[in-house]
PDB file of all heavy atoms in Angstrom:
ATOM      1  N   VAL A   1     -15.053  -7.990   0.854  1.00  0.00           N
ATOM      2  CA  VAL A   1     -15.195  -8.784  -0.374  1.00  0.00           C
ATOM      3  C   VAL A   1     -16.662  -8.869  -0.783  1.00  0.00           C
ATOM      4  O   VAL A   1     -16.988  -8.802  -1.972  1.00  0.00           O
ATOM      5  CB  VAL A   1     -14.589 -10.194  -0.184  1.00  0.00           C
ATOM      6  CG1 VAL A   1     -14.898 -11.076  -1.391  1.00  0.00           C
ATOM      7  CG2 VAL A   1     -13.082 -10.105   0.025  1.00  0.00           C
ATOM      8  N   GLY A   2     -17.548  -8.989   0.202  1.00  0.00           N
ATOM      9  CA  GLY A   2     -18.975  -9.003  -0.103  1.00  0.00           C
ATOM     10  C   GLY A   2     -19.420  -7.714  -0.767  1.00  0.00           C
ATOM     11  O   GLY A   2     -20.227  -7.721  -1.710  1.00  0.00           O
ATOM     12  N   HIS A   3     -18.894  -6.586  -0.290  1.00  0.00           N
ATOM     13  CA  HIS A   3     -19.188  -5.295  -0.927  1.00  0.00           C
ATOM     14  C   HIS A   3     -18.670  -5.269  -2.360  1.00  0.00           C
ATOM     15  O   HIS A   3     -19.385  -4.858  -3.280  1.00  0.00           O
ATOM     16  CB  HIS A   3     -18.547  -4.158  -0.126  1.00  0.00           C
ATOM     17  CG  HIS A   3     -18.487  -2.859  -0.864  1.00  0.00           C
ATOM     18  ND1 HIS A   3     -19.588  -2.039  -1.041  1.00  0.00           N
ATOM     19  CD2 HIS A   3     -17.445  -2.238  -1.509  1.00  0.00           C
ATOM     20  CE1 HIS A   3     -19.241  -0.979  -1.748  1.00  0.00           C
ATOM     21  NE2 HIS A   3     -17.949  -1.079  -2.043  1.00  0.00           N
ATOM     22  N   ALA A   4     -17.423  -5.707  -2.550  1.00  0.00           N
ATOM     23  CA  ALA A   4     -16.829  -5.702  -3.892  1.00  0.00           C
ATOM     24  C   ALA A   4     -17.579  -6.627  -4.833  1.00  0.00           C
ATOM     25  O   ALA A   4     -17.758  -6.318  -6.017  1.00  0.00           O
ATOM     26  CB  ALA A   4     -15.356  -6.103  -3.808  1.00  0.00           C
ATOM     27  N   LEU A   5     -18.046  -7.770  -4.306  1.00  0.00           N
ATOM     28  CA  LEU A   5     -18.813  -8.711  -5.112  1.00  0.00           C
ATOM     29  C   LEU A   5     -20.130  -8.088  -5.568  1.00  0.00           C
ATOM     30  O   LEU A   5     -20.490  -8.161  -6.749  1.00  0.00           O
ATOM     31  CB  LEU A   5     -19.078  -9.977  -4.290  1.00  0.00           C
ATOM     32  CG  LEU A   5     -19.813 -11.132  -4.982  1.00  0.00           C
ATOM     33  CD1 LEU A   5     -18.985 -11.691  -6.121  1.00  0.00           C
ATOM     34  CD2 LEU A   5     -20.134 -12.228  -3.967  1.00  0.00           C
ATOM     35  N   SER A   6     -20.822  -7.430  -4.655  1.00  0.00           N
ATOM     36  CA  SER A   6     -22.096  -6.797  -4.984  1.00  0.00           C
ATOM     37  C   SER A   6     -21.919  -5.611  -5.924  1.00  0.00           C
ATOM     38  O   SER A   6     -22.805  -5.315  -6.734  1.00  0.00           O
ATOM     39  CB  SER A   6     -22.804  -6.346  -3.706  1.00  0.00           C
ATOM     40  OG  SER A   6     -23.070  -7.443  -2.860  1.00  0.00           O
ATOM     41  N   ALA A   7     -20.786  -4.926  -5.808  1.00  0.00           N
ATOM     42  CA  ALA A   7     -20.518  -3.749  -6.639  1.00  0.00           C
ATOM     43  C   ALA A   7     -19.858  -4.108  -7.965  1.00  0.00           C
ATOM     44  O   ALA A   7     -19.477  -3.215  -8.734  1.00  0.00           O
ATOM     45  CB  ALA A   7     -19.644  -2.756  -5.876  1.00  0.00           C
ATOM     46  N   ASP A   8     -19.696  -5.406  -8.238  1.00  0.00           N
ATOM     47  CA  ASP A   8     -19.095  -5.898  -9.487  1.00  0.00           C
ATOM     48  C   ASP A   8     -17.679  -5.353  -9.680  1.00  0.00           C
ATOM     49  O   ASP A   8     -17.298  -4.942 -10.776  1.00  0.00           O
ATOM     50  CB  ASP A   8     -19.983  -5.514 -10.688  1.00  0.00           C
ATOM     51  CG  ASP A   8     -19.642  -6.326 -11.940  1.00  0.00           C
ATOM     52  OD1 ASP A   8     -19.123  -7.446 -11.786  1.00  0.00           O
ATOM     53  OD2 ASP A   8     -19.890  -5.826 -13.066  1.00  0.00           O
ATOM     54  N   LEU A   9     -16.887  -5.368  -8.606  1.00  0.00           N
ATOM     55  CA  LEU A   9     -15.504  -4.882  -8.667  1.00  0.00           C
ATOM     56  C   LEU A   9     -14.493  -6.014  -8.840  1.00  0.00           C
ATOM     57  O   LEU A   9     -13.328  -5.757  -9.134  1.00  0.00           O
ATOM     58  CB  LEU A   9     -15.159  -4.108  -7.392  1.00  0.00           C
ATOM     59  CG  LEU A   9     -15.945  -2.821  -7.119  1.00  0.00           C
ATOM     60  CD1 LEU A   9     -15.518  -2.224  -5.782  1.00  0.00           C
ATOM     61  CD2 LEU A   9     -15.737  -1.820  -8.243  1.00  0.00           C
ATOM     62  N   LEU A  10     -14.915  -7.263  -8.624  1.00  0.00           N
ATOM     63  CA  LEU A  10     -13.983  -8.398  -8.707  1.00  0.00           C
ATOM     64  C   LEU A  10     -13.626  -8.711 -10.155  1.00  0.00           C
ATOM     65  O   LEU A  10     -14.456  -8.547 -11.044  1.00  0.00           O
ATOM     66  CB  LEU A  10     -14.598  -9.630  -8.044  1.00  0.00           C
ATOM     67  CG  LEU A  10     -14.962  -9.505  -6.569  1.00  0.00           C
ATOM     68  CD1 LEU A  10     -15.539 -10.820  -6.056  1.00  0.00           C
ATOM     69  CD2 LEU A  10     -13.773  -9.102  -5.730  1.00  0.00           C
ATOM     70  N   PRO A  11     -12.401  -9.187 -10.408  1.00  0.00           N
ATOM     71  CA  PRO A  11     -11.293  -9.391  -9.468  1.00  0.00           C
ATOM     72  C   PRO A  11     -10.591  -8.076  -9.139  1.00  0.00           C
ATOM     73  O   PRO A  11     -10.570  -7.148  -9.956  1.00  0.00           O
ATOM     74  CB  PRO A  11     -10.357 -10.335 -10.230  1.00  0.00           C
ATOM     75  CG  PRO A  11     -10.587  -9.983 -11.672  1.00  0.00           C
ATOM     76  CD  PRO A  11     -12.054  -9.641 -11.778  1.00  0.00           C
ATOM     77  N   LEU A  12      -9.996  -8.014  -7.956  1.00  0.00           N
ATOM     78  CA  LEU A  12      -9.399  -6.777  -7.450  1.00  0.00           C
ATOM     79  C   LEU A  12      -7.906  -6.720  -7.764  1.00  0.00           C
ATOM     80  O   LEU A  12      -7.066  -6.534  -6.879  1.00  0.00           O
ATOM     81  CB  LEU A  12      -9.637  -6.676  -5.947  1.00  0.00           C
ATOM     82  CG  LEU A  12     -11.114  -6.641  -5.529  1.00  0.00           C
ATOM     83  CD1 LEU A  12     -11.247  -6.769  -4.020  1.00  0.00           C
ATOM     84  CD2 LEU A  12     -11.779  -5.368  -6.027  1.00  0.00           C
ATOM     85  N   GLN A  13      -7.571  -6.845  -9.037  1.00  0.00           N
ATOM     86  CA  GLN A  13      -6.160  -6.897  -9.443  1.00  0.00           C
ATOM     87  C   GLN A  13      -5.469  -5.538  -9.397  1.00  0.00           C
ATOM     88  O   GLN A  13      -4.252  -5.470  -9.315  1.00  0.00           O
ATOM     89  CB  GLN A  13      -6.047  -7.478 -10.856  1.00  0.00           C
ATOM     90  CG  GLN A  13      -6.403  -8.954 -10.957  1.00  0.00           C
ATOM     91  CD  GLN A  13      -6.288  -9.450 -12.376  1.00  0.00           C
ATOM     92  OE1 GLN A  13      -7.115  -9.134 -13.217  1.00  0.00           O
ATOM     93  NE2 GLN A  13      -5.252 -10.232 -12.643  1.00  0.00           N
ATOM     94  N   LYS A  14      -6.245  -4.467  -9.487  1.00  0.00           N
ATOM     95  CA  LYS A  14      -5.661  -3.124  -9.508  1.00  0.00           C
ATOM     96  C   LYS A  14      -5.921  -2.393  -8.196  1.00  0.00           C
ATOM     97  O   LYS A  14      -6.087  -1.175  -8.176  1.00  0.00           O
ATOM     98  CB  LYS A  14      -6.229  -2.330 -10.684  1.00  0.00           C
ATOM     99  CG  LYS A  14      -5.846  -2.885 -12.049  1.00  0.00           C
ATOM    100  CD  LYS A  14      -6.363  -1.998 -13.171  1.00  0.00           C
ATOM    101  CE  LYS A  14      -5.945  -2.531 -14.537  1.00  0.00           C
ATOM    102  NZ  LYS A  14      -6.442  -1.666 -15.633  1.00  0.00           N
ATOM    103  N   HIS A  15      -5.955  -3.136  -7.112  1.00  0.00           N
ATOM    104  CA  HIS A  15      -6.227  -2.553  -5.806  1.00  0.00           C
ATOM    105  C   HIS A  15      -5.217  -3.048  -4.781  1.00  0.00           C
ATOM    106  O   HIS A  15      -4.519  -4.039  -5.008  1.00  0.00           O
ATOM    107  CB  HIS A  15      -7.638  -2.906  -5.339  1.00  0.00           C
ATOM    108  CG  HIS A  15      -8.725  -2.367  -6.212  1.00  0.00           C
ATOM    109  ND1 HIS A  15      -9.090  -2.966  -7.401  1.00  0.00           N
ATOM    110  CD2 HIS A  15      -9.528  -1.283  -6.071  1.00  0.00           C
ATOM    111  CE1 HIS A  15     -10.074  -2.274  -7.961  1.00  0.00           C
ATOM    112  NE2 HIS A  15     -10.357  -1.262  -7.169  1.00  0.00           N
ATOM    113  N   ILE A  16      -5.167  -2.340  -3.665  1.00  0.00           N
ATOM    114  CA  ILE A  16      -4.310  -2.716  -2.544  1.00  0.00           C
ATOM    115  C   ILE A  16      -5.199  -3.012  -1.351  1.00  0.00           C
ATOM    116  O   ILE A  16      -6.053  -2.187  -0.980  1.00  0.00           O
ATOM    117  CB  ILE A  16      -3.330  -1.586  -2.181  1.00  0.00           C
ATOM    118  CG1 ILE A  16      -2.500  -1.163  -3.396  1.00  0.00           C
ATOM    119  CG2 ILE A  16      -2.407  -2.021  -1.041  1.00  0.00           C
ATOM    120  CD1 ILE A  16      -1.756   0.142  -3.193  1.00  0.00           C
ATOM    121  N   LEU A  17      -5.042  -4.175  -0.756  1.00  0.00           N
ATOM    122  CA  LEU A  17      -5.749  -4.515   0.467  1.00  0.00           C
ATOM    123  C   LEU A  17      -4.877  -4.116   1.650  1.00  0.00           C
ATOM    124  O   LEU A  17      -3.737  -4.566   1.759  1.00  0.00           O
ATOM    125  CB  LEU A  17      -6.044  -6.016   0.525  1.00  0.00           C
ATOM    126  CG  LEU A  17      -6.600  -6.539   1.855  1.00  0.00           C
ATOM    127  CD1 LEU A  17      -7.964  -5.932   2.147  1.00  0.00           C
ATOM    128  CD2 LEU A  17      -6.652  -8.061   1.854  1.00  0.00           C
ATOM    129  N   VAL A  18      -5.406  -3.273   2.530  1.00  0.00           N
ATOM    130  CA  VAL A  18      -4.676  -2.842   3.719  1.00  0.00           C
ATOM    131  C   VAL A  18      -5.360  -3.430   4.949  1.00  0.00           C
ATOM    132  O   VAL A  18      -6.564  -3.243   5.154  1.00  0.00           O
ATOM    133  CB  VAL A  18      -4.608  -1.305   3.828  1.00  0.00           C
ATOM    134  CG1 VAL A  18      -3.801  -0.892   5.058  1.00  0.00           C
ATOM    135  CG2 VAL A  18      -3.960  -0.712   2.576  1.00  0.00           C
ATOM    136  N   LEU A  19      -4.588  -4.140   5.755  1.00  0.00           N
ATOM    137  CA  LEU A  19      -5.094  -4.792   6.967  1.00  0.00           C
ATOM    138  C   LEU A  19      -4.596  -4.040   8.187  1.00  0.00           C
ATOM    139  O   LEU A  19      -3.407  -3.724   8.291  1.00  0.00           O
ATOM    140  CB  LEU A  19      -4.617  -6.245   7.020  1.00  0.00           C
ATOM    141  CG  LEU A  19      -4.974  -7.118   5.809  1.00  0.00           C
ATOM    142  CD1 LEU A  19      -4.292  -8.477   5.925  1.00  0.00           C
ATOM    143  CD2 LEU A  19      -6.487  -7.278   5.686  1.00  0.00           C
ATOM    144  N   SER A  20      -5.492  -3.774   9.125  1.00  0.00           N
ATOM    145  CA  SER A  20      -5.128  -2.969  10.293  1.00  0.00           C
ATOM    146  C   SER A  20      -4.232  -3.713  11.272  1.00  0.00           C
ATOM    147  O   SER A  20      -3.589  -3.091  12.113  1.00  0.00           O
ATOM    148  CB  SER A  20      -6.389  -2.502  11.021  1.00  0.00           C
ATOM    149  OG  SER A  20      -7.124  -3.614  11.520  1.00  0.00           O
ATOM    150  N   GLY A  21      -4.194  -5.037  11.169  1.00  0.00           N
ATOM    151  CA  GLY A  21      -3.378  -5.821  12.090  1.00  0.00           C
ATOM    152  C   GLY A  21      -2.435  -6.748  11.346  1.00  0.00           C
ATOM    153  O   GLY A  21      -1.826  -6.381  10.354  1.00  0.00           O
ATOM    154  N   ARG A  22      -2.360  -7.987  11.842  1.00  0.00           N
ATOM    155  CA  ARG A  22      -1.445  -8.946  11.233  1.00  0.00           C
ATOM    156  C   ARG A  22      -2.077  -9.587  10.002  1.00  0.00           C
ATOM    157  O   ARG A  22      -3.284  -9.507   9.779  1.00  0.00           O
ATOM    158  CB  ARG A  22      -1.069 -10.029  12.243  1.00  0.00           C
ATOM    159  CG  ARG A  22      -2.245 -10.869  12.735  1.00  0.00           C
ATOM    160  CD  ARG A  22      -1.811 -11.851  13.810  1.00  0.00           C
ATOM    161  NE  ARG A  22      -2.933 -12.622  14.325  1.00  0.00           N
ATOM    162  CZ  ARG A  22      -3.356 -13.755  13.788  1.00  0.00           C
ATOM    163  NH1 ARG A  22      -2.764 -14.235  12.695  1.00  0.00           N
ATOM    164  NH2 ARG A  22      -4.369 -14.410  14.312  1.00  0.00           N
ATOM    165  N   ALA A  23      -1.232 -10.229   9.209  1.00  0.00           N
ATOM    166  CA  ALA A  23      -1.693 -10.952   8.023  1.00  0.00           C
ATOM    167  C   ALA A  23      -1.612 -12.444   8.311  1.00  0.00           C
ATOM    168  O   ALA A  23      -0.526 -13.008   8.406  1.00  0.00           O
ATOM    169  CB  ALA A  23      -0.841 -10.597   6.807  1.00  0.00           C
ATOM    170  N   SER A  24      -2.762 -13.081   8.472  1.00  0.00           N
ATOM    171  CA  SER A  24      -2.806 -14.506   8.757  1.00  0.00           C
ATOM    172  C   SER A  24      -2.987 -15.287   7.459  1.00  0.00           C
ATOM    173  O   SER A  24      -3.256 -14.726   6.398  1.00  0.00           O
ATOM    174  CB  SER A  24      -3.967 -14.810   9.706  1.00  0.00           C
ATOM    175  OG  SER A  24      -5.209 -14.520   9.069  1.00  0.00           O
ATOM    176  N   PHE A  25      -2.865 -16.610   7.577  1.00  0.00           N
ATOM    177  CA  PHE A  25      -3.058 -17.483   6.419  1.00  0.00           C
ATOM    178  C   PHE A  25      -4.428 -17.252   5.794  1.00  0.00           C
ATOM    179  O   PHE A  25      -4.559 -17.102   4.583  1.00  0.00           O
ATOM    180  CB  PHE A  25      -2.923 -18.945   6.862  1.00  0.00           C
ATOM    181  CG  PHE A  25      -3.189 -19.952   5.774  1.00  0.00           C
ATOM    182  CD1 PHE A  25      -2.152 -20.459   5.010  1.00  0.00           C
ATOM    183  CD2 PHE A  25      -4.476 -20.388   5.510  1.00  0.00           C
ATOM    184  CE1 PHE A  25      -2.392 -21.394   4.007  1.00  0.00           C
ATOM    185  CE2 PHE A  25      -4.733 -21.314   4.510  1.00  0.00           C
ATOM    186  CZ  PHE A  25      -3.684 -21.811   3.761  1.00  0.00           C
ATOM    187  N   GLU A  26      -5.478 -17.212   6.644  1.00  0.00           N
ATOM    188  CA  GLU A  26      -6.825 -17.129   6.092  1.00  0.00           C
ATOM    189  C   GLU A  26      -7.071 -15.800   5.395  1.00  0.00           C
ATOM    190  O   GLU A  26      -7.782 -15.744   4.390  1.00  0.00           O
ATOM    191  CB  GLU A  26      -7.885 -17.339   7.170  1.00  0.00           C
ATOM    192  CG  GLU A  26      -9.268 -17.496   6.556  1.00  0.00           C
ATOM    193  CD  GLU A  26     -10.378 -17.589   7.573  1.00  0.00           C
ATOM    194  OE1 GLU A  26     -10.243 -16.986   8.657  1.00  0.00           O
ATOM    195  OE2 GLU A  26     -11.379 -18.250   7.276  1.00  0.00           O
ATOM    196  N   LEU A  27      -6.491 -14.714   5.890  1.00  0.00           N
ATOM    197  CA  LEU A  27      -6.683 -13.421   5.243  1.00  0.00           C
ATOM    198  C   LEU A  27      -6.047 -13.410   3.853  1.00  0.00           C
ATOM    199  O   LEU A  27      -6.610 -12.865   2.899  1.00  0.00           O
ATOM    200  CB  LEU A  27      -6.117 -12.304   6.111  1.00  0.00           C
ATOM    201  CG  LEU A  27      -6.835 -12.064   7.442  1.00  0.00           C
ATOM    202  CD1 LEU A  27      -6.205 -10.898   8.193  1.00  0.00           C
ATOM    203  CD2 LEU A  27      -8.311 -11.816   7.227  1.00  0.00           C
ATOM    204  N   VAL A  28      -4.874 -14.013   3.733  1.00  0.00           N
ATOM    205  CA  VAL A  28      -4.234 -14.099   2.415  1.00  0.00           C
ATOM    206  C   VAL A  28      -5.055 -14.998   1.492  1.00  0.00           C
ATOM    207  O   VAL A  28      -5.240 -14.714   0.307  1.00  0.00           O
ATOM    208  CB  VAL A  28      -2.789 -14.619   2.541  1.00  0.00           C
ATOM    209  CG1 VAL A  28      -2.163 -14.822   1.163  1.00  0.00           C
ATOM    210  CG2 VAL A  28      -1.939 -13.639   3.351  1.00  0.00           C
ATOM    211  N   GLN A  29      -5.599 -16.095   2.055  1.00  0.00           N
ATOM    212  CA  GLN A  29      -6.425 -16.998   1.255  1.00  0.00           C
ATOM    213  C   GLN A  29      -7.683 -16.296   0.750  1.00  0.00           C
ATOM    214  O   GLN A  29      -8.069 -16.426  -0.414  1.00  0.00           O
ATOM    215  CB  GLN A  29      -6.799 -18.226   2.093  1.00  0.00           C
ATOM    216  CG  GLN A  29      -7.665 -19.240   1.365  1.00  0.00           C
ATOM    217  CD  GLN A  29      -9.104 -19.218   1.859  1.00  0.00           C
ATOM    218  OE1 GLN A  29      -9.381 -18.775   2.970  1.00  0.00           O
ATOM    219  NE2 GLN A  29     -10.014 -19.668   1.034  1.00  0.00           N
ATOM    220  N   LYS A  30      -8.332 -15.527   1.605  1.00  0.00           N
ATOM    221  CA  LYS A  30      -9.530 -14.796   1.204  1.00  0.00           C
ATOM    222  C   LYS A  30      -9.181 -13.726   0.158  1.00  0.00           C
ATOM    223  O   LYS A  30      -9.950 -13.488  -0.777  1.00  0.00           O
ATOM    224  CB  LYS A  30     -10.194 -14.161   2.428  1.00  0.00           C
ATOM    225  CG  LYS A  30     -10.869 -15.170   3.357  1.00  0.00           C
ATOM    226  CD  LYS A  30     -11.479 -14.479   4.574  1.00  0.00           C
ATOM    227  CE  LYS A  30     -12.148 -15.491   5.514  1.00  0.00           C
ATOM    228  NZ  LYS A  30     -13.343 -16.122   4.906  1.00  0.00           N
ATOM    229  N   ALA A  31      -8.043 -13.072   0.331  1.00  0.00           N
ATOM    230  CA  ALA A  31      -7.600 -12.079  -0.648  1.00  0.00           C
ATOM    231  C   ALA A  31      -7.347 -12.726  -2.007  1.00  0.00           C
ATOM    232  O   ALA A  31      -7.708 -12.179  -3.056  1.00  0.00           O
ATOM    233  CB  ALA A  31      -6.337 -11.372  -0.155  1.00  0.00           C
ATOM    234  N   ALA A  32      -6.734 -13.911  -1.991  1.00  0.00           N
ATOM    235  CA  ALA A  32      -6.480 -14.633  -3.237  1.00  0.00           C
ATOM    236  C   ALA A  32      -7.784 -14.993  -3.933  1.00  0.00           C
ATOM    237  O   ALA A  32      -7.890 -14.922  -5.169  1.00  0.00           O
ATOM    238  CB  ALA A  32      -5.659 -15.892  -2.958  1.00  0.00           C
ATOM    239  N   MET A  33      -8.789 -15.372  -3.159  1.00  0.00           N
ATOM    240  CA  MET A  33     -10.093 -15.703  -3.736  1.00  0.00           C
ATOM    241  C   MET A  33     -10.701 -14.508  -4.456  1.00  0.00           C
ATOM    242  O   MET A  33     -11.458 -14.662  -5.417  1.00  0.00           O
ATOM    243  CB  MET A  33     -11.047 -16.178  -2.639  1.00  0.00           C
ATOM    244  CG  MET A  33     -10.683 -17.527  -2.027  1.00  0.00           C
ATOM    245  SD  MET A  33     -10.867 -18.905  -3.184  1.00  0.00           S
ATOM    246  CE  MET A  33     -12.651 -19.029  -3.288  1.00  0.00           C
TER     247      MET A  33
END
């Protein structure tokens, strides 16, 4: 997200976030942000 913020890519509505492991509450919360 820090990379996307610096690269002026936010919001990431046309992207897919892929997580290598499980999806926890905080990861979904950070993705929503």
